[in-house]
Structure formats: structure tokens, C-alpha cells
Amino acid sequence: GGGDAAAAGGAAPAWRFSARRYPYFTTALCGYTAGLVGAMVSVRVFDAAQPALFYIVPAMIVPVLAVGYRRGQLRLLWQGLDTQSVSHQL
């Protein structure tokens, strides 16, 4: 299905943070790529279909949360940004 492509929509909240020069979008995009590669490797190794979202979603979420924790911005990341404050940054 198209679920693996739809998972890229999970990077949208990270994109909002990128307007304020936070590295979350880049982190989510790298995680998406790693998850997609992991799903393809799994298909080759096990010679059977695998649910791509099983690999992509954790590969996107865990690094973003880890970066947020390390930067002390986990609460801000969890609560989200005010859209008005973001629009002033663009």
C-alpha cells in the first residue's frame, strides 16, 4: 500500500520546528530513509513481504524524541509550537 509514503506526513510537525532552526525535520527525514532501507533489506533477507511502517515509524519517532531529549526541548516538541510564532519566523 501507500502507507510507507504516507508516513512521510509524520515529518510535517518536524518541519514546523525547522522554521526555528531546530534539527527535527532533518532527523525525521534521515529516520524515514533509514526505516525504508531497513524495510527493503528485511524483504530481501526474509524473502517475504514486510509491513514498511513497522520499520519506518519507529525509525522516525525514536531519533526525533532522542534529539528533543538531548537538547532539553522534549516538552516543547511534545506540546508543539504556536502557529503564529512560526509564521513570524518564516
C-alpha atoms as a PDB file:
ATOM      1  CA  GLY A   1       0.000   0.000   0.000  1.00  0.00           C
ATOM      2  CA  GLY A   2       0.862   3.633   0.133  1.00  0.00           C
ATOM      3  CA  GLY A   3       1.297   3.685   3.891  1.00  0.00           C
ATOM      4  CA  ASP A   4       5.062   3.991   3.653  1.00  0.00           C
ATOM      5  CA  ALA A   5       4.647   7.138   1.560  1.00  0.00           C
ATOM      6  CA  ALA A   6       2.002   8.470   3.946  1.00  0.00           C
ATOM      7  CA  ALA A   7       4.435   8.069   6.845  1.00  0.00           C
ATOM      8  CA  ALA A   8       6.396  10.955   5.391  1.00  0.00           C
ATOM      9  CA  GLY A   9       3.487  13.081   6.622  1.00  0.00           C
ATOM     10  CA  GLY A  10       4.782  12.334  10.089  1.00  0.00           C
ATOM     11  CA  ALA A  11       7.637  14.672   9.299  1.00  0.00           C
ATOM     12  CA  ALA A  12       5.227  17.616   8.961  1.00  0.00           C
ATOM     13  CA  PRO A  13       5.346  18.557  12.671  1.00  0.00           C
ATOM     14  CA  ALA A  14       9.128  18.368  12.491  1.00  0.00           C
ATOM     15  CA  TRP A  15       9.022  20.766   9.524  1.00  0.00           C
ATOM     16  CA  ARG A  16       7.301  23.361  11.734  1.00  0.00           C
ATOM     17  CA  PHE A  17      10.211  23.213  14.161  1.00  0.00           C
ATOM     18  CA  SER A  18      12.695  23.646  11.315  1.00  0.00           C
ATOM     19  CA  ALA A  19      11.396  27.185  10.833  1.00  0.00           C
ATOM     20  CA  ARG A  20      13.002  27.959  14.179  1.00  0.00           C
ATOM     21  CA  ARG A  21      16.287  26.285  13.240  1.00  0.00           C
ATOM     22  CA  TYR A  22      15.696  23.083  15.148  1.00  0.00           C
ATOM     23  CA  PRO A  23      17.154  19.925  13.545  1.00  0.00           C
ATOM     24  CA  TYR A  24      13.982  17.848  13.807  1.00  0.00           C
ATOM     25  CA  PHE A  25      12.974  17.773  10.145  1.00  0.00           C
ATOM     26  CA  THR A  26      16.413  16.608   9.050  1.00  0.00           C
ATOM     27  CA  THR A  27      16.373  13.995  11.811  1.00  0.00           C
ATOM     28  CA  ALA A  28      12.910  12.762  10.778  1.00  0.00           C
ATOM     29  CA  LEU A  29      13.908  12.647   7.110  1.00  0.00           C
ATOM     30  CA  CYS A  30      17.050  10.634   7.893  1.00  0.00           C
ATOM     31  CA  GLY A  31      14.963   8.305  10.058  1.00  0.00           C
ATOM     32  CA  TYR A  32      12.445   7.849   7.243  1.00  0.00           C
ATOM     33  CA  THR A  33      15.244   6.947   4.848  1.00  0.00           C
ATOM     34  CA  ALA A  34      16.797   4.518   7.336  1.00  0.00           C
ATOM     35  CA  GLY A  35      13.423   2.900   8.010  1.00  0.00           C
ATOM     36  CA  LEU A  36      12.695   2.497   4.320  1.00  0.00           C
ATOM     37  CA  VAL A  37      16.123   0.955   3.724  1.00  0.00           C
ATOM     38  CA  GLY A  38      15.559  -1.327   6.712  1.00  0.00           C
ATOM     39  CA  ALA A  39      12.232  -2.481   5.283  1.00  0.00           C
ATOM     40  CA  MET A  40      13.804  -3.211   1.898  1.00  0.00           C
ATOM     41  CA  VAL A  41      16.677  -5.141   3.494  1.00  0.00           C
ATOM     42  CA  SER A  42      14.180  -7.125   5.543  1.00  0.00           C
ATOM     43  CA  VAL A  43      12.255  -8.095   2.408  1.00  0.00           C
ATOM     44  CA  ARG A  44      15.485  -9.332   0.810  1.00  0.00           C
ATOM     45  CA  VAL A  45      16.696 -11.211   3.892  1.00  0.00           C
ATOM     46  CA  PHE A  46      13.415 -12.945   4.740  1.00  0.00           C
ATOM     47  CA  ASP A  47      12.248 -13.230   1.115  1.00  0.00           C
ATOM     48  CA  ALA A  48       8.747 -12.254   2.194  1.00  0.00           C
ATOM     49  CA  ALA A  49       6.633  -9.118   2.243  1.00  0.00           C
ATOM     50  CA  GLN A  50       7.112  -6.936   5.309  1.00  0.00           C
ATOM     51  CA  PRO A  51       4.999  -4.030   6.588  1.00  0.00           C
ATOM     52  CA  ALA A  52       7.160  -0.998   5.835  1.00  0.00           C
ATOM     53  CA  LEU A  53       5.508   1.099   8.542  1.00  0.00           C
ATOM     54  CA  PHE A  54       6.795  -1.392  11.112  1.00  0.00           C
ATOM     55  CA  TYR A  55      10.270  -0.077  10.293  1.00  0.00           C
ATOM     56  CA  ILE A  56       9.605   3.500   9.183  1.00  0.00           C
ATOM     57  CA  VAL A  57       7.536   4.800  12.100  1.00  0.00           C
ATOM     58  CA  PRO A  58       9.976   3.858  14.883  1.00  0.00           C
ATOM     59  CA  ALA A  59      12.905   4.959  12.724  1.00  0.00           C
ATOM     60  CA  MET A  60      11.330   8.434  12.505  1.00  0.00           C
ATOM     61  CA  ILE A  61       9.945   8.845  16.008  1.00  0.00           C
ATOM     62  CA  VAL A  62      12.782   7.495  18.174  1.00  0.00           C
ATOM     63  CA  PRO A  63      15.560   9.746  16.765  1.00  0.00           C
ATOM     64  CA  VAL A  64      13.351  12.854  16.883  1.00  0.00           C
ATOM     65  CA  LEU A  65      12.481  12.165  20.519  1.00  0.00           C
ATOM     66  CA  ALA A  66      16.132  11.438  21.315  1.00  0.00           C
ATOM     67  CA  VAL A  67      17.250  14.749  19.794  1.00  0.00           C
ATOM     68  CA  GLY A  68      14.493  16.573  21.679  1.00  0.00           C
ATOM     69  CA  TYR A  69      15.541  14.938  24.940  1.00  0.00           C
ATOM     70  CA  ARG A  70      19.209  15.683  24.392  1.00  0.00           C
ATOM     71  CA  ARG A  71      18.515  19.346  23.564  1.00  0.00           C
ATOM     72  CA  GLY A  72      16.157  19.725  26.531  1.00  0.00           C
ATOM     73  CA  GLN A  73      13.243  20.504  24.189  1.00  0.00           C
ATOM     74  CA  LEU A  74      11.182  17.374  24.658  1.00  0.00           C
ATOM     75  CA  ARG A  75       8.324  19.260  26.312  1.00  0.00           C
ATOM     76  CA  LEU A  76       8.288  21.866  23.531  1.00  0.00           C
ATOM     77  CA  LEU A  77       8.370  19.101  20.938  1.00  0.00           C
ATOM     78  CA  TRP A  78       5.508  17.252  22.619  1.00  0.00           C
ATOM     79  CA  GLN A  79       3.320  20.346  23.055  1.00  0.00           C
ATOM     80  CA  GLY A  80       4.047  21.795  19.601  1.00  0.00           C
ATOM     81  CA  LEU A  81       4.658  25.340  18.507  1.00  0.00           C
ATOM     82  CA  ASP A  82       2.189  28.149  18.250  1.00  0.00           C
ATOM     83  CA  THR A  83       1.490  28.636  14.524  1.00  0.00           C
ATOM     84  CA  GLN A  84       1.634  32.421  14.874  1.00  0.00           C
ATOM     85  CA  SER A  85       5.147  32.311  16.311  1.00  0.00           C
ATOM     86  CA  VAL A  86       6.251  30.056  13.461  1.00  0.00           C
ATOM     87  CA  SER A  87       4.778  32.291  10.744  1.00  0.00           C
ATOM     88  CA  HIS A  88       6.773  35.258  12.082  1.00  0.00           C
ATOM     89  CA  GLN A  89       9.972  33.237  11.736  1.00  0.00           C
ATOM     90  CA  LEU A  90       9.404  32.477   8.037  1.00  0.00           C
END
